[in-house]
N, C-alpha and C. Protein backbone atom coordinates (compact mmCIF):
# COMPACT_ATOMS: atom_id res chain seq x y z
N UNK A 1 119.32 134.21 47.15
CA UNK A 1 118.68 134.46 45.88
C UNK A 1 119.77 134.77 44.87
N UNK A 2 119.73 134.11 43.73
CA UNK A 2 120.71 134.33 42.68
C UNK A 2 120.07 135.11 41.55
N UNK A 3 120.74 136.16 41.09
CA UNK A 3 120.14 137.01 40.06
C UNK A 3 121.20 137.53 39.11
N UNK A 4 120.73 138.22 38.07
CA UNK A 4 121.65 138.84 37.13
C UNK A 4 122.17 140.15 37.73
N UNK A 5 122.96 140.87 36.96
CA UNK A 5 123.55 142.12 37.44
C UNK A 5 122.76 143.34 37.00
N UNK A 6 121.48 143.19 36.71
CA UNK A 6 120.65 144.32 36.32
C UNK A 6 120.48 145.31 37.46
N UNK A 7 120.13 146.53 37.11
CA UNK A 7 120.05 147.59 38.12
C UNK A 7 119.03 147.29 39.21
N UNK A 8 117.92 146.67 38.86
CA UNK A 8 116.91 146.34 39.87
C UNK A 8 117.44 145.32 40.88
N UNK A 9 118.21 144.35 40.38
CA UNK A 9 118.69 143.28 41.25
C UNK A 9 119.93 143.68 42.06
N UNK A 10 120.60 144.75 41.68
CA UNK A 10 121.79 145.18 42.42
C UNK A 10 121.52 146.42 43.26
N UNK A 11 120.27 146.83 43.35
CA UNK A 11 119.94 148.05 44.10
C UNK A 11 120.13 147.85 45.61
N UNK A 12 120.47 148.92 46.27
CA UNK A 12 120.63 148.89 47.72
C UNK A 12 119.30 148.59 48.41
N UNK A 13 118.22 149.08 47.85
CA UNK A 13 116.89 148.86 48.43
C UNK A 13 116.57 147.37 48.49
N UNK A 14 116.80 146.66 47.39
CA UNK A 14 116.53 145.22 47.36
C UNK A 14 117.48 144.49 48.30
N UNK A 15 118.76 144.82 48.26
CA UNK A 15 119.73 144.16 49.13
C UNK A 15 119.35 144.33 50.60
N UNK A 16 118.99 145.54 50.99
CA UNK A 16 118.62 145.79 52.38
C UNK A 16 117.36 145.02 52.78
N UNK A 17 116.39 144.97 51.88
CA UNK A 17 115.13 144.24 52.16
C UNK A 17 115.41 142.76 52.34
N UNK A 18 116.19 142.17 51.44
CA UNK A 18 116.49 140.74 51.55
C UNK A 18 117.31 140.44 52.80
N UNK A 19 118.27 141.28 53.10
CA UNK A 19 119.11 141.09 54.28
C UNK A 19 118.26 141.10 55.55
N UNK A 20 117.29 142.00 55.61
CA UNK A 20 116.39 142.08 56.76
C UNK A 20 115.64 140.78 56.98
N UNK A 21 115.38 140.06 55.90
CA UNK A 21 114.64 138.80 55.98
C UNK A 21 115.56 137.57 55.98
N UNK A 22 116.86 137.80 56.12
CA UNK A 22 117.81 136.70 56.22
C UNK A 22 118.10 136.00 54.90
N UNK A 23 117.89 136.70 53.78
CA UNK A 23 118.13 136.11 52.46
C UNK A 23 119.43 136.66 51.90
N UNK A 24 120.30 135.76 51.46
CA UNK A 24 121.56 136.18 50.85
C UNK A 24 121.35 136.39 49.36
N UNK A 25 122.02 137.38 48.80
CA UNK A 25 121.89 137.71 47.40
C UNK A 25 123.21 137.44 46.70
N UNK A 26 123.18 136.69 45.60
CA UNK A 26 124.38 136.46 44.80
C UNK A 26 124.08 136.86 43.36
N UNK A 27 125.13 137.17 42.61
CA UNK A 27 124.95 137.67 41.24
C UNK A 27 125.77 136.85 40.26
N UNK A 28 125.30 136.84 39.00
CA UNK A 28 126.05 136.22 37.92
C UNK A 28 127.39 136.92 37.75
N UNK A 29 128.32 136.19 37.18
CA UNK A 29 129.59 136.82 36.81
C UNK A 29 129.32 137.71 35.60
N UNK A 30 130.05 138.82 35.45
CA UNK A 30 129.82 139.70 34.30
C UNK A 30 129.98 138.97 32.98
N UNK A 31 129.07 139.22 32.05
CA UNK A 31 129.09 138.69 30.68
C UNK A 31 128.92 137.17 30.61
N UNK A 32 128.39 136.56 31.65
CA UNK A 32 128.15 135.12 31.63
C UNK A 32 126.64 134.92 31.77
N UNK A 33 125.98 134.60 30.66
CA UNK A 33 124.52 134.53 30.68
C UNK A 33 123.99 133.23 31.27
N UNK A 34 124.81 132.18 31.29
CA UNK A 34 124.34 130.89 31.79
C UNK A 34 125.04 130.48 33.08
N UNK A 35 125.21 131.45 33.97
CA UNK A 35 125.93 131.22 35.21
C UNK A 35 125.22 130.22 36.12
N UNK A 36 123.92 130.14 36.03
CA UNK A 36 123.15 129.24 36.87
C UNK A 36 122.20 128.44 35.97
N UNK A 37 122.75 127.45 35.22
CA UNK A 37 121.94 126.77 34.21
C UNK A 37 120.75 125.99 34.77
N UNK A 38 120.78 125.61 36.02
CA UNK A 38 119.66 124.85 36.59
C UNK A 38 118.45 125.73 36.85
N UNK A 39 118.66 127.00 37.16
CA UNK A 39 117.52 127.87 37.42
C UNK A 39 117.05 128.62 36.18
N UNK A 40 117.88 128.75 35.16
CA UNK A 40 117.50 129.50 33.97
C UNK A 40 116.23 128.97 33.30
N UNK A 41 116.05 127.64 33.13
CA UNK A 41 114.80 127.17 32.52
C UNK A 41 113.56 127.55 33.33
N UNK A 42 113.70 127.57 34.64
CA UNK A 42 112.58 127.97 35.49
C UNK A 42 112.21 129.42 35.29
N UNK A 43 113.23 130.29 35.17
CA UNK A 43 112.96 131.70 34.94
C UNK A 43 112.26 131.90 33.59
N UNK A 44 112.71 131.15 32.59
CA UNK A 44 112.08 131.26 31.27
C UNK A 44 110.62 130.83 31.34
N UNK A 45 110.35 129.75 32.04
CA UNK A 45 108.97 129.28 32.17
C UNK A 45 108.11 130.34 32.84
N UNK A 46 108.61 130.92 33.92
CA UNK A 46 107.83 131.94 34.63
C UNK A 46 107.61 133.18 33.77
N UNK A 47 108.61 133.51 32.94
CA UNK A 47 108.53 134.71 32.12
C UNK A 47 107.52 134.57 30.98
N UNK A 48 107.48 133.41 30.34
CA UNK A 48 106.65 133.24 29.16
C UNK A 48 105.35 132.48 29.40
N UNK A 49 105.18 131.92 30.59
CA UNK A 49 103.93 131.22 30.92
C UNK A 49 103.40 131.80 32.22
N UNK A 50 102.66 132.90 32.14
CA UNK A 50 102.23 133.60 33.36
C UNK A 50 101.37 132.75 34.30
N UNK A 51 100.74 131.69 33.80
CA UNK A 51 99.94 130.84 34.66
C UNK A 51 100.78 129.86 35.46
N UNK A 52 102.07 129.82 35.24
CA UNK A 52 102.97 128.89 35.92
C UNK A 52 103.99 129.68 36.70
N UNK A 53 104.23 129.47 37.92
CA UNK A 53 103.53 128.52 38.79
C UNK A 53 102.20 129.12 39.24
N UNK A 54 101.27 128.24 39.49
CA UNK A 54 99.97 128.68 39.96
C UNK A 54 100.06 129.06 41.43
N UNK A 55 99.09 129.81 41.88
CA UNK A 55 99.03 130.17 43.29
C UNK A 55 98.53 128.98 44.09
N UNK A 56 99.10 128.76 45.24
CA UNK A 56 98.72 127.65 46.10
C UNK A 56 97.95 128.17 47.31
N UNK A 57 97.06 127.34 47.81
CA UNK A 57 96.25 127.76 48.94
C UNK A 57 97.02 127.72 50.25
N UNK A 58 98.00 126.82 50.37
CA UNK A 58 98.79 126.74 51.60
C UNK A 58 100.16 126.10 51.29
N UNK A 59 101.04 126.09 52.26
CA UNK A 59 102.41 125.61 52.08
C UNK A 59 102.46 124.12 51.76
N UNK A 60 101.63 123.32 52.41
CA UNK A 60 101.63 121.88 52.15
C UNK A 60 101.24 121.56 50.71
N UNK A 61 100.27 122.28 50.18
CA UNK A 61 99.86 122.08 48.78
C UNK A 61 100.99 122.45 47.83
N UNK A 62 101.69 123.53 48.11
CA UNK A 62 102.80 123.96 47.28
C UNK A 62 103.93 122.93 47.30
N UNK A 63 104.20 122.37 48.46
CA UNK A 63 105.27 121.37 48.56
C UNK A 63 104.94 120.08 47.81
N UNK A 64 103.67 119.72 47.82
CA UNK A 64 103.30 118.47 47.13
C UNK A 64 103.30 118.68 45.63
């Protein structure tokens, strides 16, 4: 999971939880707002359009 350097995303609690589930956590470089330009538009969409992405009934539906 790639995230910014905000306090919520750098907390030990989150890091420990993700590690327990086998998820690696990476962070943006300091003062670089567009460190991951491919995912930034997706974050903006999720932030300003609460209906997107919609909830899916199962994994196959989500993949399609």
